[in-house]
Amino acid sequence: MALASAQAQSFVTIDVKPAGSADLQSRHVKVSPTGDLMATSVNAITLIDEGYSVPANPSERLSNLPPWVYSERYDITAKAFSAAKRSGLPNTKSADVVFQKVLAERFGLKIRVERKSMPV
């Protein structure tokens, strides 16, 4: 069961290229029911927002992010492992894992959670 779960969160291929268009109107992100990810003209902060439910605007909740996270745009195609295609992605939580996996594997994102006091 653990192996199937790990495979469902993996990709056969992940292709990340500089965006073919700088037009913000062409930006879109889609996770198919089979677990494939298709993103056009997205920046890394959009993937972080989708995968971890944190604000995409500069925020004190996120620290130590390089400027390119906001400025560089990418076209991304990730093909899910065949086990994921058979089982599908039944809920949003599973889709979050898709974004998290791409961020870790292709962008080298490492997440550290810490508690800190902030004004509200």
N, C-alpha and C. Protein backbone atom coordinates (compact mmCIF):
# COMPACT_ATOMS: atom_id res chain seq x y z
N MET A 1 0.82 -1.19 0.00
CA MET A 1 0.00 0.00 0.00
C MET A 1 0.87 1.26 0.00
N ALA A 2 1.94 1.29 0.80
CA ALA A 2 2.82 2.45 0.85
C ALA A 2 3.50 2.67 -0.50
N LEU A 3 3.88 1.57 -1.17
CA LEU A 3 4.51 1.69 -2.47
C LEU A 3 3.54 2.30 -3.49
N ALA A 4 2.30 1.84 -3.50
CA ALA A 4 1.32 2.39 -4.42
C ALA A 4 1.09 3.87 -4.16
N SER A 5 1.06 4.25 -2.89
CA SER A 5 0.88 5.65 -2.52
C SER A 5 2.06 6.48 -3.01
N ALA A 6 3.27 5.98 -2.83
CA ALA A 6 4.47 6.71 -3.27
C ALA A 6 4.49 6.83 -4.78
N GLN A 7 4.10 5.75 -5.50
CA GLN A 7 4.08 5.80 -6.95
C GLN A 7 3.02 6.76 -7.46
N ALA A 8 1.90 6.84 -6.77
CA ALA A 8 0.83 7.73 -7.19
C ALA A 8 1.25 9.19 -7.09
N GLN A 9 2.26 9.46 -6.27
CA GLN A 9 2.73 10.82 -6.10
C GLN A 9 3.97 11.10 -6.95
N SER A 10 4.36 10.17 -7.81
CA SER A 10 5.55 10.32 -8.64
C SER A 10 5.17 10.60 -10.08
N PHE A 11 6.18 11.03 -10.84
CA PHE A 11 5.97 11.32 -12.25
C PHE A 11 6.93 10.50 -13.09
N VAL A 12 6.47 10.12 -14.26
CA VAL A 12 7.33 9.47 -15.24
C VAL A 12 8.28 10.52 -15.79
N THR A 13 7.73 11.69 -16.15
CA THR A 13 8.54 12.78 -16.66
C THR A 13 8.04 14.10 -16.08
N ILE A 14 8.97 15.02 -15.88
CA ILE A 14 8.65 16.40 -15.53
C ILE A 14 9.48 17.27 -16.45
N ASP A 15 8.82 18.06 -17.28
CA ASP A 15 9.50 18.93 -18.23
C ASP A 15 9.24 20.38 -17.83
N VAL A 16 10.31 21.11 -17.50
CA VAL A 16 10.21 22.52 -17.12
C VAL A 16 11.06 23.32 -18.10
N LYS A 17 10.42 24.29 -18.78
CA LYS A 17 11.11 25.14 -19.74
C LYS A 17 10.78 26.60 -19.44
N PRO A 18 11.66 27.51 -19.83
CA PRO A 18 11.27 28.94 -19.74
C PRO A 18 9.98 29.14 -20.52
N ALA A 19 9.12 30.00 -20.02
CA ALA A 19 7.81 30.22 -20.64
C ALA A 19 7.96 30.69 -22.08
N GLY A 20 7.12 30.16 -22.94
CA GLY A 20 7.13 30.56 -24.35
C GLY A 20 6.47 31.90 -24.57
N SER A 21 5.70 32.36 -23.59
CA SER A 21 5.01 33.64 -23.72
C SER A 21 5.14 34.42 -22.42
N ALA A 22 5.38 35.71 -22.53
CA ALA A 22 5.45 36.58 -21.36
C ALA A 22 4.09 37.18 -21.05
N ASP A 23 3.10 36.89 -21.89
CA ASP A 23 1.76 37.43 -21.72
C ASP A 23 1.08 36.79 -20.52
N LEU A 24 0.73 37.58 -19.52
CA LEU A 24 0.10 37.06 -18.31
C LEU A 24 -1.29 36.48 -18.59
N GLN A 25 -1.92 36.90 -19.69
CA GLN A 25 -3.23 36.36 -20.05
C GLN A 25 -3.15 34.89 -20.46
N SER A 26 -1.97 34.43 -20.87
CA SER A 26 -1.82 33.04 -21.30
C SER A 26 -1.55 32.10 -20.13
N ARG A 27 -1.45 32.64 -18.92
CA ARG A 27 -1.11 31.83 -17.74
C ARG A 27 -2.27 30.92 -17.36
N HIS A 28 -1.97 29.63 -17.15
CA HIS A 28 -2.96 28.70 -16.61
C HIS A 28 -2.25 27.50 -15.97
N VAL A 29 -2.94 26.89 -15.02
CA VAL A 29 -2.44 25.71 -14.33
C VAL A 29 -3.58 24.71 -14.26
N LYS A 30 -3.28 23.46 -14.62
CA LYS A 30 -4.32 22.42 -14.58
C LYS A 30 -3.72 21.10 -14.15
N VAL A 31 -4.38 20.44 -13.20
CA VAL A 31 -4.04 19.07 -12.84
C VAL A 31 -5.20 18.22 -13.34
N SER A 32 -4.89 17.28 -14.23
CA SER A 32 -5.93 16.44 -14.81
C SER A 32 -6.37 15.38 -13.80
N PRO A 33 -7.51 14.76 -14.04
CA PRO A 33 -7.97 13.68 -13.15
C PRO A 33 -6.97 12.52 -13.08
N THR A 34 -6.12 12.39 -14.09
CA THR A 34 -5.12 11.31 -14.09
C THR A 34 -3.86 11.68 -13.32
N GLY A 35 -3.77 12.94 -12.85
CA GLY A 35 -2.60 13.37 -12.09
C GLY A 35 -1.56 14.09 -12.90
N ASP A 36 -1.78 14.25 -14.20
CA ASP A 36 -0.84 15.00 -15.04
C ASP A 36 -0.97 16.49 -14.72
N LEU A 37 0.15 17.20 -14.77
CA LEU A 37 0.17 18.65 -14.54
C LEU A 37 0.52 19.35 -15.84
N MET A 38 -0.27 20.37 -16.19
CA MET A 38 0.01 21.21 -17.33
C MET A 38 -0.06 22.65 -16.86
N ALA A 39 1.04 23.36 -16.99
CA ALA A 39 1.10 24.76 -16.55
C ALA A 39 1.76 25.59 -17.65
N THR A 40 1.20 26.74 -17.91
CA THR A 40 1.72 27.63 -18.94
C THR A 40 2.00 28.99 -18.33
N SER A 41 3.20 29.49 -18.54
CA SER A 41 3.60 30.83 -18.12
C SER A 41 3.35 31.09 -16.63
N VAL A 42 3.73 30.12 -15.80
CA VAL A 42 3.55 30.27 -14.35
C VAL A 42 4.89 30.51 -13.68
N ASN A 43 4.86 31.24 -12.58
CA ASN A 43 6.07 31.42 -11.79
C ASN A 43 6.04 30.43 -10.62
N ALA A 44 7.17 30.25 -9.99
CA ALA A 44 7.27 29.27 -8.90
C ALA A 44 6.36 29.62 -7.73
N ILE A 45 6.13 30.90 -7.47
CA ILE A 45 5.28 31.27 -6.35
C ILE A 45 3.84 30.80 -6.58
N THR A 46 3.40 30.73 -7.82
CA THR A 46 2.07 30.20 -8.12
C THR A 46 1.99 28.73 -7.73
N LEU A 47 3.03 27.97 -8.03
CA LEU A 47 3.06 26.56 -7.66
C LEU A 47 3.10 26.40 -6.14
N ILE A 48 3.86 27.27 -5.46
CA ILE A 48 3.93 27.24 -4.00
C ILE A 48 2.56 27.54 -3.41
N ASP A 49 1.89 28.54 -3.96
CA ASP A 49 0.54 28.90 -3.52
C ASP A 49 -0.41 27.72 -3.68
N GLU A 50 -0.39 27.08 -4.85
CA GLU A 50 -1.28 25.95 -5.11
C GLU A 50 -0.95 24.73 -4.24
N GLY A 51 0.33 24.47 -4.07
CA GLY A 51 0.74 23.26 -3.35
C GLY A 51 0.70 23.35 -1.84
N TYR A 52 0.88 24.56 -1.31
CA TYR A 52 0.98 24.70 0.14
C TYR A 52 -0.03 25.68 0.73
N SER A 53 -0.91 26.23 -0.09
CA SER A 53 -1.95 27.16 0.38
C SER A 53 -1.38 28.32 1.18
N VAL A 54 -0.36 28.94 0.63
CA VAL A 54 0.21 30.16 1.23
C VAL A 54 0.00 31.30 0.24
N PRO A 55 0.01 32.54 0.71
CA PRO A 55 -0.27 33.65 -0.20
C PRO A 55 0.80 33.79 -1.28
N ALA A 56 0.35 34.09 -2.50
CA ALA A 56 1.27 34.24 -3.62
C ALA A 56 1.94 35.61 -3.64
N ASN A 57 1.37 36.57 -2.91
CA ASN A 57 1.99 37.89 -2.86
C ASN A 57 3.14 37.86 -1.85
N PRO A 58 4.10 38.76 -1.96
CA PRO A 58 5.16 38.76 -0.94
C PRO A 58 4.54 38.83 0.45
N SER A 59 4.96 37.93 1.31
CA SER A 59 4.35 37.78 2.62
C SER A 59 5.40 37.47 3.67
N GLU A 60 5.16 37.93 4.88
CA GLU A 60 6.06 37.58 5.99
C GLU A 60 5.96 36.10 6.33
N ARG A 61 4.90 35.44 5.87
CA ARG A 61 4.74 34.01 6.12
C ARG A 61 5.76 33.18 5.35
N LEU A 62 6.31 33.76 4.27
CA LEU A 62 7.33 33.09 3.48
C LEU A 62 8.63 33.86 3.65
N SER A 63 9.71 33.16 3.92
CA SER A 63 10.98 33.84 4.06
C SER A 63 12.05 33.15 3.23
N ASN A 64 13.07 33.90 2.92
CA ASN A 64 14.23 33.38 2.18
C ASN A 64 13.91 32.90 0.77
N LEU A 65 12.95 33.55 0.12
CA LEU A 65 12.67 33.21 -1.28
C LEU A 65 13.47 34.14 -2.19
N PRO A 66 14.13 33.59 -3.19
CA PRO A 66 14.87 34.44 -4.12
C PRO A 66 13.91 35.20 -5.03
N PRO A 67 14.34 36.33 -5.56
CA PRO A 67 13.47 37.16 -6.41
C PRO A 67 12.94 36.43 -7.65
N TRP A 68 13.69 35.48 -8.20
CA TRP A 68 13.24 34.80 -9.42
C TRP A 68 11.96 34.00 -9.20
N VAL A 69 11.64 33.65 -7.95
CA VAL A 69 10.41 32.91 -7.64
C VAL A 69 9.19 33.69 -8.12
N TYR A 70 9.30 35.03 -8.07
CA TYR A 70 8.20 35.89 -8.50
C TYR A 70 8.31 36.31 -9.97
N SER A 71 9.51 36.42 -10.48
CA SER A 71 9.69 37.03 -11.81
C SER A 71 9.81 36.02 -12.96
N GLU A 72 10.51 34.91 -12.77
CA GLU A 72 10.72 33.94 -13.86
C GLU A 72 9.45 33.13 -14.09
N ARG A 73 9.12 32.91 -15.36
CA ARG A 73 7.92 32.15 -15.71
C ARG A 73 8.31 30.89 -16.48
N TYR A 74 7.50 29.84 -16.28
CA TYR A 74 7.82 28.53 -16.85
C TYR A 74 6.61 27.88 -17.48
N ASP A 75 6.89 27.00 -18.45
CA ASP A 75 5.90 26.08 -18.99
C ASP A 75 6.27 24.71 -18.43
N ILE A 76 5.32 24.04 -17.82
CA ILE A 76 5.60 22.77 -17.12
C ILE A 76 4.62 21.71 -17.59
N THR A 77 5.17 20.54 -17.91
CA THR A 77 4.36 19.36 -18.22
C THR A 77 4.91 18.22 -17.38
N ALA A 78 4.05 17.63 -16.57
CA ALA A 78 4.46 16.49 -15.74
C ALA A 78 3.49 15.35 -15.99
N LYS A 79 4.02 14.22 -16.41
CA LYS A 79 3.21 13.04 -16.69
C LYS A 79 3.24 12.12 -15.48
N ALA A 80 2.07 11.80 -14.96
CA ALA A 80 1.96 10.97 -13.76
C ALA A 80 2.35 9.52 -14.04
N PHE A 81 2.86 8.88 -13.01
CA PHE A 81 3.16 7.45 -13.04
C PHE A 81 1.87 6.70 -13.37
N SER A 82 1.94 5.59 -14.06
CA SER A 82 0.74 4.89 -14.53
C SER A 82 -0.20 4.48 -13.39
N ALA A 83 0.32 4.18 -12.19
CA ALA A 83 -0.55 3.82 -11.06
C ALA A 83 -1.45 5.00 -10.70
N ALA A 84 -0.92 6.21 -10.82
CA ALA A 84 -1.73 7.40 -10.53
C ALA A 84 -2.83 7.54 -11.58
N LYS A 85 -2.51 7.21 -12.82
CA LYS A 85 -3.51 7.30 -13.88
C LYS A 85 -4.66 6.32 -13.64
N ARG A 86 -4.34 5.13 -13.15
CA ARG A 86 -5.39 4.14 -12.90
C ARG A 86 -6.28 4.55 -11.73
N SER A 87 -5.66 5.11 -10.69
CA SER A 87 -6.45 5.43 -9.50
C SER A 87 -7.08 6.82 -9.57
N GLY A 88 -6.52 7.72 -10.40
CA GLY A 88 -7.04 9.08 -10.48
C GLY A 88 -6.67 9.88 -9.24
N LEU A 89 -7.05 11.13 -9.23
CA LEU A 89 -6.80 12.01 -8.09
C LEU A 89 -8.16 12.47 -7.58
N PRO A 90 -8.68 11.80 -6.56
CA PRO A 90 -10.06 12.05 -6.16
C PRO A 90 -10.31 13.36 -5.43
N ASN A 91 -9.28 13.98 -4.87
CA ASN A 91 -9.56 15.19 -4.09
C ASN A 91 -8.47 16.24 -4.25
N THR A 92 -8.75 17.42 -3.76
CA THR A 92 -7.83 18.54 -3.88
C THR A 92 -6.52 18.26 -3.15
N LYS A 93 -6.58 17.57 -2.03
CA LYS A 93 -5.37 17.26 -1.27
C LYS A 93 -4.37 16.51 -2.15
N SER A 94 -4.85 15.57 -2.97
CA SER A 94 -3.97 14.83 -3.87
C SER A 94 -3.36 15.76 -4.92
N ALA A 95 -4.15 16.72 -5.40
CA ALA A 95 -3.63 17.68 -6.38
C ALA A 95 -2.52 18.52 -5.75
N ASP A 96 -2.64 18.86 -4.47
CA ASP A 96 -1.58 19.61 -3.78
C ASP A 96 -0.26 18.86 -3.84
N VAL A 97 -0.31 17.54 -3.71
CA VAL A 97 0.89 16.72 -3.74
C VAL A 97 1.58 16.82 -5.10
N VAL A 98 0.80 16.97 -6.17
CA VAL A 98 1.36 17.13 -7.52
C VAL A 98 2.26 18.36 -7.55
N PHE A 99 1.76 19.50 -7.06
CA PHE A 99 2.54 20.73 -7.04
C PHE A 99 3.77 20.58 -6.14
N GLN A 100 3.59 19.97 -4.98
CA GLN A 100 4.70 19.80 -4.04
C GLN A 100 5.81 18.95 -4.64
N LYS A 101 5.43 17.91 -5.35
CA LYS A 101 6.43 17.02 -5.96
C LYS A 101 7.23 17.74 -7.05
N VAL A 102 6.56 18.51 -7.89
CA VAL A 102 7.26 19.27 -8.94
C VAL A 102 8.20 20.29 -8.31
N LEU A 103 7.73 20.98 -7.28
CA LEU A 103 8.57 21.98 -6.60
C LEU A 103 9.82 21.33 -6.00
N ALA A 104 9.66 20.19 -5.39
CA ALA A 104 10.81 19.51 -4.77
C ALA A 104 11.77 18.95 -5.81
N GLU A 105 11.22 18.27 -6.82
CA GLU A 105 12.06 17.57 -7.80
C GLU A 105 12.73 18.50 -8.81
N ARG A 106 12.04 19.54 -9.26
CA ARG A 106 12.60 20.38 -10.32
C ARG A 106 13.09 21.74 -9.86
N PHE A 107 12.55 22.24 -8.75
CA PHE A 107 12.97 23.55 -8.27
C PHE A 107 13.81 23.47 -6.99
N GLY A 108 13.97 22.26 -6.44
CA GLY A 108 14.78 22.07 -5.24
C GLY A 108 14.19 22.73 -4.00
N LEU A 109 12.86 22.91 -3.99
CA LEU A 109 12.22 23.56 -2.84
C LEU A 109 12.27 22.68 -1.61
N LYS A 110 12.69 23.28 -0.52
CA LYS A 110 12.67 22.60 0.78
C LYS A 110 11.82 23.45 1.71
N ILE A 111 10.88 22.82 2.38
CA ILE A 111 9.96 23.52 3.26
C ILE A 111 10.36 23.27 4.71
N ARG A 112 10.38 24.34 5.47
CA ARG A 112 10.59 24.23 6.91
C ARG A 112 9.47 25.03 7.57
N VAL A 113 8.75 24.39 8.48
CA VAL A 113 7.65 25.04 9.17
C VAL A 113 8.14 25.43 10.56
N GLU A 114 7.87 26.67 10.91
CA GLU A 114 8.23 27.12 12.25
C GLU A 114 7.14 28.04 12.78
N ARG A 115 7.02 28.10 14.06
CA ARG A 115 6.06 28.99 14.69
C ARG A 115 6.74 30.30 15.02
N LYS A 116 6.07 31.41 14.72
CA LYS A 116 6.59 32.71 15.11
C LYS A 116 5.44 33.67 15.30
N SER A 117 5.64 34.62 16.18
CA SER A 117 4.62 35.62 16.46
C SER A 117 4.64 36.68 15.37
N MET A 118 3.43 37.06 14.93
CA MET A 118 3.30 38.07 13.89
C MET A 118 2.12 38.97 14.25
N PRO A 119 2.17 40.22 13.86
CA PRO A 119 1.01 41.09 14.11
C PRO A 119 -0.17 40.67 13.23
N VAL A 120 -1.37 40.86 13.75
CA VAL A 120 -2.56 40.53 12.97
C VAL A 120 -3.37 41.77 12.68
